[in-house]
Amino acid sequence: MKIKAAVLWERRTPLRVEDVDIADPAPGEARVKILASGVCHSDLHHIRRETAFVPPLVLGHEGAGVVESVGEGVTRVRPGDRVIIAFGQKCGECYFCLRGQHHLCAAPGPSTVRLRHGDQALTPLLAVGSFAEYANIDARNLVPIPDEMPLDRAALIACGVTTGLGAVIKTARVEPGASVAVIGIGGVGLNVVQGAALAGAARIIAVDLVDRKLELARAFGATHTVNAGREDPVAAVQRLTGGWGADYAFEVIGHPATIRQAYDMVRKGGTAVVVGLADVADEVAIPAADLMRSGKTLVGCFYGSVSPYVDIPRYVDLYLNQRIKLDELISRRFALDEINEAFRAMDAGEVARGVVVFE
């Protein structure tokens, strides 16, 4: 079957929309007609950096759509189901899955070739590849959603919303009345902010370099804002928390300097959470004596510590019951042919979240 997909042929070059071949679903897979895909900063990292995913790649991992057909042995979903795609592997049987840590699943990636351009095999990013009209997905990664859930907003739950809310609710377990700092107010950072508000944090301090993003953070629940280009963010957070430091700080950029800032921002006994995706070669220096004496915790957060079959339906319900904002996250919608413009707008800070829509 011929479909259109945006292909990254070489790092640091624009994506090209190509006609590619998609195989029939393998046993355990379902073919999903992609109807919406969020444009996440993580995709941009794979364009610009050397990563474990080697081009040619079909990028996109924040997808939602409708199941068109299923492979042998699939009972979890059926044709016609509307679904959110959870990226990565979720085998349900490994050491981590059996402990409810599905985001850390140790199963190997798929060995079947799903996409080809001529004789060239194409790798779908994170076993998704949602910058394409269709994708063959391991059925264990599909979460059915109700008909009333709009698919362009559902796509955001596939990554950005789940990562941001989960960082607060599942990884850090922020308690009511806590003070929270958030460094980096992009699509994920805004969801950390609204996750902190949902958790009942009393003081939510948004930190960024762009005033427009800081204004948007207030709409998502921030009580204070700090422009890190005009004042020292660590000193500002300490000042806004009575000189003690925040109970929790979330780094949502993926840079050693801002990870260190998050650590320095929290009080003794506080917790700094690394949400941003750093370069594989980056390292962070923390004073060893201070780490011991301060009692601080530095913790990583991958995919919001999600258990997809439990947490993603909860996040859908939160939206449908008007407890979280998703409409306000979508700044622009793009056609697949506009994928490079979508990345440009994101990189320029013009959008909170862009979404590629297919119909």
Protein backbone atom coordinates (compact mmCIF):
# COMPACT_ATOMS: atom_id res chain seq x y z
CA MET A 1 0.00 0.00 0.00
CA LYS A 2 1.34 3.44 -0.96
CA ILE A 3 1.15 6.24 1.58
CA LYS A 4 2.71 9.66 2.08
CA ALA A 5 5.28 10.12 4.84
CA ALA A 6 7.75 12.83 5.86
CA VAL A 7 11.23 11.27 5.68
CA LEU A 8 14.44 12.49 7.30
CA TRP A 9 17.12 11.27 4.89
CA GLU A 10 20.08 13.03 6.52
CA ARG A 11 20.65 14.88 9.81
CA ARG A 12 20.34 18.65 9.69
CA THR A 13 18.40 18.65 6.42
CA PRO A 14 14.70 19.36 5.77
CA LEU A 15 12.26 16.47 5.79
CA ARG A 16 10.91 15.35 2.40
CA VAL A 17 7.36 14.16 1.92
CA GLU A 18 7.64 10.95 -0.10
CA ASP A 19 5.42 8.20 -1.46
CA VAL A 20 6.42 5.11 0.56
CA ASP A 21 5.20 1.54 0.89
CA ILE A 22 3.69 0.24 4.12
CA ALA A 23 3.57 -3.50 4.78
CA ASP A 24 0.54 -5.40 6.00
CA PRO A 25 0.28 -5.43 9.81
CA ALA A 26 2.49 -8.14 11.31
CA PRO A 27 1.09 -10.47 14.00
CA GLY A 28 0.35 -8.38 17.08
CA GLU A 29 0.18 -5.12 15.11
CA ALA A 30 -2.66 -2.85 14.02
CA ARG A 31 -2.66 -0.44 11.10
CA VAL A 32 -3.70 3.01 12.29
CA LYS A 33 -4.88 5.77 9.97
CA ILE A 34 -3.09 8.76 11.48
CA LEU A 35 -5.41 11.75 11.73
CA ALA A 36 -3.30 14.04 13.92
CA SER A 37 0.30 14.21 15.10
CA GLY A 38 1.81 16.73 17.47
CA VAL A 39 5.14 18.32 16.54
CA CYS A 40 7.39 17.71 19.54
CA HIS A 41 10.81 19.21 20.25
CA SER A 42 12.15 15.68 20.69
CA ASP A 43 11.64 15.12 16.96
CA LEU A 44 13.82 18.14 16.28
CA HIS A 45 16.61 16.60 18.37
CA HIS A 46 16.70 13.65 15.97
CA ILE A 47 17.08 16.05 13.06
CA ARG A 48 19.90 18.04 14.63
CA ARG A 49 21.76 15.57 16.83
CA GLU A 50 23.43 12.22 16.44
CA THR A 51 21.06 9.80 18.16
CA ALA A 52 20.48 6.06 18.37
CA PHE A 53 17.89 6.33 15.58
CA VAL A 54 19.74 6.28 12.27
CA PRO A 55 18.27 7.90 9.12
CA PRO A 56 16.37 7.40 6.98
CA LEU A 57 13.66 7.99 9.57
CA VAL A 58 9.95 8.69 9.55
CA LEU A 59 9.66 11.05 12.49
CA GLY A 60 6.65 11.78 14.68
CA HIS A 61 5.72 10.03 17.93
CA GLU A 62 2.73 12.05 19.20
CA GLY A 63 -0.06 10.45 17.21
CA ALA A 64 -3.76 9.65 17.30
CA GLY A 65 -6.05 8.10 14.72
CA VAL A 66 -8.41 5.27 13.84
CA VAL A 67 -7.60 1.57 13.61
CA GLU A 68 -8.07 0.45 10.02
CA SER A 69 -7.06 -3.23 10.25
CA VAL A 70 -5.38 -5.64 12.65
CA GLY A 71 -2.83 -8.41 12.32
CA GLU A 72 -3.04 -11.95 13.55
CA GLY A 73 -3.70 -12.40 17.26
CA VAL A 74 -4.79 -8.82 17.97
CA THR A 75 -7.74 -8.62 20.35
CA ARG A 76 -6.97 -5.41 22.24
CA VAL A 77 -8.33 -3.15 19.48
CA ARG A 78 -10.51 -3.64 16.44
CA PRO A 79 -11.13 -1.74 13.18
CA GLY A 80 -12.94 1.53 13.79
CA ASP A 81 -11.48 2.14 17.25
CA ARG A 82 -10.20 5.66 17.87
CA VAL A 83 -6.84 5.44 19.61
CA ILE A 84 -3.94 7.33 21.14
CA ILE A 85 -0.54 5.82 20.36
CA ALA A 86 1.84 5.30 23.29
CA PHE A 87 5.36 5.41 21.87
CA GLY A 88 8.19 2.95 22.56
CA GLN A 89 7.79 -0.66 23.65
CA LYS A 90 5.26 -1.91 26.22
CA CYS A 91 5.73 -5.69 26.35
CA GLY A 92 3.91 -6.25 29.66
CA GLU A 93 6.25 -9.11 30.55
CA CYS A 94 9.74 -7.76 31.29
CA TYR A 95 11.23 -6.85 34.70
CA PHE A 96 10.01 -3.25 34.45
CA CYS A 97 6.56 -3.81 32.95
CA LEU A 98 5.75 -6.34 35.67
CA ARG A 99 6.46 -3.60 38.21
CA GLY A 100 4.19 -1.10 36.47
CA GLN A 101 7.14 0.81 34.99
CA HIS A 102 6.02 0.43 31.39
CA HIS A 103 7.95 3.55 30.38
CA LEU A 104 11.17 1.65 31.13
CA CYS A 105 10.23 -1.49 29.13
CA ALA A 106 13.32 -3.54 28.24
CA ALA A 107 11.83 -5.36 25.24
CA PRO A 108 13.72 -5.00 21.95
CA GLY A 109 12.24 -2.91 19.17
CA PRO A 110 10.32 -4.46 16.26
CA SER A 111 12.38 -6.56 13.85
CA THR A 112 9.92 -6.34 10.97
CA VAL A 113 10.37 -3.68 8.28
CA ARG A 114 7.19 -1.64 8.25
CA LEU A 115 8.05 1.08 5.72
CA ARG A 116 10.09 1.20 2.52
CA HIS A 117 10.99 3.74 -0.11
CA GLY A 118 11.90 1.55 -3.06
CA ASP A 119 14.47 -0.89 -1.70
CA GLN A 120 15.36 1.38 1.23
CA ALA A 121 13.95 0.43 4.66
CA LEU A 122 12.70 3.36 6.72
CA THR A 123 12.69 3.38 10.53
CA PRO A 124 9.58 4.79 12.27
CA LEU A 125 10.73 6.87 15.23
CA LEU A 126 10.03 5.23 18.59
CA ALA A 127 8.08 2.48 16.77
CA VAL A 128 5.48 5.09 15.74
CA GLY A 129 6.43 7.35 12.80
CA SER A 130 3.28 9.48 12.95
CA PHE A 131 4.35 11.97 10.27
CA ALA A 132 2.73 9.58 7.82
CA GLU A 133 -0.79 8.83 6.66
CA TYR A 134 -0.72 5.33 8.20
CA ALA A 135 1.41 3.49 10.75
CA ASN A 136 1.67 -0.15 11.80
CA ILE A 137 1.72 -0.13 15.61
CA ASP A 138 2.18 -2.84 18.22
CA ALA A 139 -1.39 -3.20 19.49
CA ARG A 140 -0.11 -3.13 23.08
CA ASN A 141 0.77 0.53 22.47
CA LEU A 142 -2.76 1.54 21.48
CA VAL A 143 -5.13 3.12 23.98
CA PRO A 144 -8.79 3.33 22.85
CA ILE A 145 -10.50 6.66 23.51
CA PRO A 146 -14.16 7.77 23.45
CA ASP A 147 -15.73 9.26 20.34
CA GLU A 148 -16.15 12.66 21.96
CA MET A 149 -12.38 13.11 22.35
CA PRO A 150 -11.11 15.33 19.48
CA LEU A 151 -8.19 13.59 17.80
CA ASP A 152 -5.99 16.67 17.37
CA ARG A 153 -6.11 17.19 21.14
CA ALA A 154 -5.81 13.45 21.76
CA ALA A 155 -2.52 13.44 19.85
CA LEU A 156 -1.01 15.79 22.43
CA ILE A 157 -1.76 13.27 25.18
CA ALA A 158 0.42 10.75 23.33
CA CYS A 159 3.54 12.58 24.56
CA GLY A 160 3.60 16.22 25.69
CA VAL A 161 0.62 16.16 28.02
CA THR A 162 1.43 12.76 29.46
CA THR A 163 5.09 13.68 30.01
CA GLY A 164 4.28 17.00 31.69
CA LEU A 165 1.40 15.88 33.89
CA GLY A 166 3.13 12.62 34.74
CA ALA A 167 6.34 14.37 35.78
CA VAL A 168 4.37 16.17 38.48
CA ILE A 169 1.78 13.59 39.47
CA LYS A 170 3.65 10.30 39.04
CA THR A 171 7.40 11.01 39.10
CA ALA A 172 7.64 13.77 41.71
CA ARG A 173 4.25 13.22 43.40
CA VAL A 174 3.87 16.92 44.19
CA GLU A 175 1.61 17.47 47.19
CA PRO A 176 -0.96 20.25 47.75
CA GLY A 177 0.57 23.50 48.98
CA ALA A 178 4.04 22.80 47.53
CA SER A 179 6.22 25.35 45.76
CA VAL A 180 7.22 24.43 42.21
CA ALA A 181 9.63 25.94 39.66
CA VAL A 182 9.47 25.01 35.96
CA ILE A 183 12.40 25.79 33.66
CA GLY A 184 11.41 25.81 29.99
CA ILE A 185 7.87 26.76 28.99
CA GLY A 186 7.39 24.88 25.73
CA GLY A 187 4.63 22.36 25.09
CA VAL A 188 5.82 19.96 27.79
CA GLY A 189 6.70 22.73 30.23
CA LEU A 190 3.18 24.15 30.01
CA ASN A 191 1.87 20.74 30.98
CA VAL A 192 4.22 20.61 33.95
CA VAL A 193 2.76 23.99 34.98
CA GLN A 194 -0.84 22.81 34.68
CA GLY A 195 0.09 19.51 36.32
CA ALA A 196 1.40 21.46 39.31
CA ALA A 197 -1.82 23.47 39.42
CA LEU A 198 -3.85 20.25 39.21
CA ALA A 199 -1.82 18.80 42.10
CA GLY A 200 -2.65 21.84 44.23
CA ALA A 201 0.76 23.51 44.32
CA ALA A 202 0.46 26.88 46.03
CA ARG A 203 3.34 28.62 44.25
CA ILE A 204 4.20 27.83 40.62
CA ILE A 205 7.15 29.75 39.19
CA ALA A 206 7.61 29.61 35.40
CA VAL A 207 11.12 30.31 34.05
CA ASP A 208 11.90 31.06 30.41
CA LEU A 209 13.63 33.57 28.14
CA VAL A 210 10.52 34.53 26.14
CA ASP A 211 7.93 36.83 27.68
CA ARG A 212 5.15 35.50 25.46
CA LYS A 213 5.71 32.00 26.83
CA LEU A 214 5.73 33.32 30.38
CA GLU A 215 2.40 35.07 29.79
CA LEU A 216 0.95 31.81 28.48
CA ALA A 217 2.27 30.00 31.55
CA ARG A 218 0.06 32.20 33.74
CA ALA A 219 -2.98 31.04 31.76
CA PHE A 220 -1.98 27.45 32.62
CA GLY A 221 -1.62 28.11 36.33
CA ALA A 222 1.71 29.83 36.98
CA THR A 223 1.56 32.22 39.93
CA HIS A 224 4.93 33.87 39.21
CA THR A 225 7.20 34.24 36.19
CA VAL A 226 10.94 34.79 35.79
CA ASN A 227 12.66 35.89 32.59
CA ALA A 228 16.05 34.19 32.89
CA GLY A 229 17.52 36.62 30.37
CA ARG A 230 16.95 39.53 32.74
CA GLU A 231 17.61 38.04 36.18
CA ASP A 232 19.37 35.08 37.75
CA PRO A 233 16.65 32.39 37.85
CA VAL A 234 18.12 30.60 40.88
CA ALA A 235 18.22 33.79 42.93
CA ALA A 236 14.73 34.73 41.72
CA VAL A 237 13.23 31.38 42.75
CA GLN A 238 14.92 31.58 46.14
CA ARG A 239 13.57 35.11 46.62
CA LEU A 240 10.04 34.03 45.65
CA THR A 241 10.15 31.15 48.15
CA GLY A 242 11.22 33.15 51.18
CA GLY A 243 14.92 32.44 50.68
CA TRP A 244 14.56 28.67 51.07
CA GLY A 245 14.22 27.46 47.48
CA ALA A 246 11.41 25.55 45.82
CA ASP A 247 10.14 22.21 47.05
CA TYR A 248 10.34 20.94 43.46
CA ALA A 249 12.04 22.17 40.28
CA PHE A 250 11.41 20.69 36.84
CA GLU A 251 13.95 21.10 34.04
CA VAL A 252 12.17 20.81 30.69
CA ILE A 253 14.90 21.85 28.25
CA GLY A 254 17.62 19.20 28.32
CA HIS A 255 20.74 21.27 28.91
CA PRO A 256 23.42 20.73 31.58
CA ALA A 257 23.33 24.37 32.72
CA THR A 258 19.58 24.39 33.31
CA ILE A 259 19.67 20.97 34.97
CA ARG A 260 22.19 22.41 37.43
CA GLN A 261 19.94 25.45 37.91
CA ALA A 262 17.03 23.17 38.79
CA TYR A 263 19.19 21.41 41.38
CA ASP A 264 20.33 24.74 42.84
CA MET A 265 16.77 26.12 42.94
CA VAL A 266 15.36 23.54 45.32
CA ARG A 267 15.54 23.81 49.08
CA LYS A 268 17.37 21.36 51.33
CA GLY A 269 15.50 18.09 51.02
CA GLY A 270 13.86 19.29 47.79
CA THR A 271 13.58 17.44 44.50
CA ALA A 272 14.89 18.43 41.06
CA VAL A 273 13.30 16.52 38.17
CA VAL A 274 14.99 16.25 34.76
CA VAL A 275 12.32 16.08 32.05
CA GLY A 276 14.21 17.61 29.12
CA LEU A 277 16.04 15.42 26.60
CA ALA A 278 19.76 16.22 26.71
CA ASP A 279 22.41 15.25 24.19
CA VAL A 280 23.83 11.78 24.87
CA ALA A 281 27.32 13.27 25.35
CA ASP A 282 26.23 15.88 27.91
CA GLU A 283 27.17 15.55 31.58
CA VAL A 284 26.06 17.48 34.66
CA ALA A 285 28.40 18.35 37.53
CA ILE A 286 26.87 18.34 41.03
CA PRO A 287 29.03 19.04 44.13
CA ALA A 288 29.29 15.65 45.81
CA ALA A 289 29.45 17.03 49.34
CA ASP A 290 26.43 19.25 48.77
CA LEU A 291 24.44 16.34 47.36
CA MET A 292 25.03 14.44 50.59
CA ARG A 293 24.63 17.31 53.05
CA SER A 294 21.64 19.02 51.44
CA GLY A 295 19.50 15.90 51.27
CA LYS A 296 18.34 16.95 47.81
CA THR A 297 17.01 14.46 45.27
CA LEU A 298 17.92 14.63 41.57
CA VAL A 299 15.65 12.34 39.56
CA GLY A 300 15.04 11.59 35.90
CA CYS A 301 11.59 11.48 34.35
CA PHE A 302 11.01 9.58 31.12
CA TYR A 303 7.58 9.81 29.48
CA GLY A 304 5.95 10.99 32.70
CA SER A 305 6.49 7.56 34.31
CA VAL A 306 3.39 6.54 32.38
CA SER A 307 1.43 3.33 32.67
CA PRO A 308 -0.43 3.96 29.40
CA TYR A 309 -3.55 1.82 29.91
CA VAL A 310 -4.20 3.49 33.28
CA ASP A 311 -2.88 7.03 32.93
CA ILE A 312 -3.76 8.01 29.36
CA PRO A 313 -7.52 7.37 29.86
CA ARG A 314 -7.31 9.45 33.05
CA TYR A 315 -5.77 12.36 31.16
CA VAL A 316 -8.50 12.06 28.51
CA ASP A 317 -11.14 12.23 31.25
CA LEU A 318 -9.45 15.26 32.79
CA TYR A 319 -9.78 17.09 29.48
CA LEU A 320 -13.35 15.98 28.83
CA ASN A 321 -14.30 17.18 32.32
CA GLN A 322 -12.54 20.53 31.74
CA ARG A 323 -9.89 19.94 34.37
CA ILE A 324 -6.90 20.45 32.02
CA LYS A 325 -6.35 22.71 29.03
CA LEU A 326 -5.61 21.19 25.63
CA ASP A 327 -7.37 23.52 23.19
CA GLU A 328 -5.14 26.36 24.33
CA LEU A 329 -1.99 24.32 23.67
CA ILE A 330 -2.58 24.18 19.92
CA SER A 331 -1.27 27.37 18.37
CA ARG A 332 -1.33 26.25 14.72
CA ARG A 333 -2.40 23.31 12.60
CA PHE A 334 -0.34 22.20 9.61
CA ALA A 335 -0.74 19.90 6.63
CA LEU A 336 1.86 17.16 6.19
CA ASP A 337 3.40 19.13 3.32
CA GLU A 338 4.05 21.95 5.81
CA ILE A 339 6.09 19.80 8.20
CA ASN A 340 9.27 21.86 7.85
CA GLU A 341 7.35 25.06 8.53
CA ALA A 342 5.92 23.39 11.64
CA PHE A 343 9.44 22.72 12.92
CA ARG A 344 10.54 26.26 12.07
CA ALA A 345 7.62 27.77 13.98
CA MET A 346 8.33 25.57 17.00
CA ASP A 347 12.04 26.37 16.98
CA ALA A 348 11.28 30.09 16.74
CA GLY A 349 9.01 29.91 19.79
CA GLU A 350 5.97 30.97 17.78
CA VAL A 351 3.78 28.07 18.92
CA ALA A 352 3.02 26.31 22.18
CA ARG A 353 2.28 23.19 20.15
CA GLY A 354 1.83 22.69 16.43
CA VAL A 355 -0.25 19.77 15.19
CA VAL A 356 -0.13 18.08 11.78
CA VAL A 357 -3.67 17.18 10.74
CA PHE A 358 -4.44 14.80 7.90
CA GLU A 359 -8.09 15.58 7.20
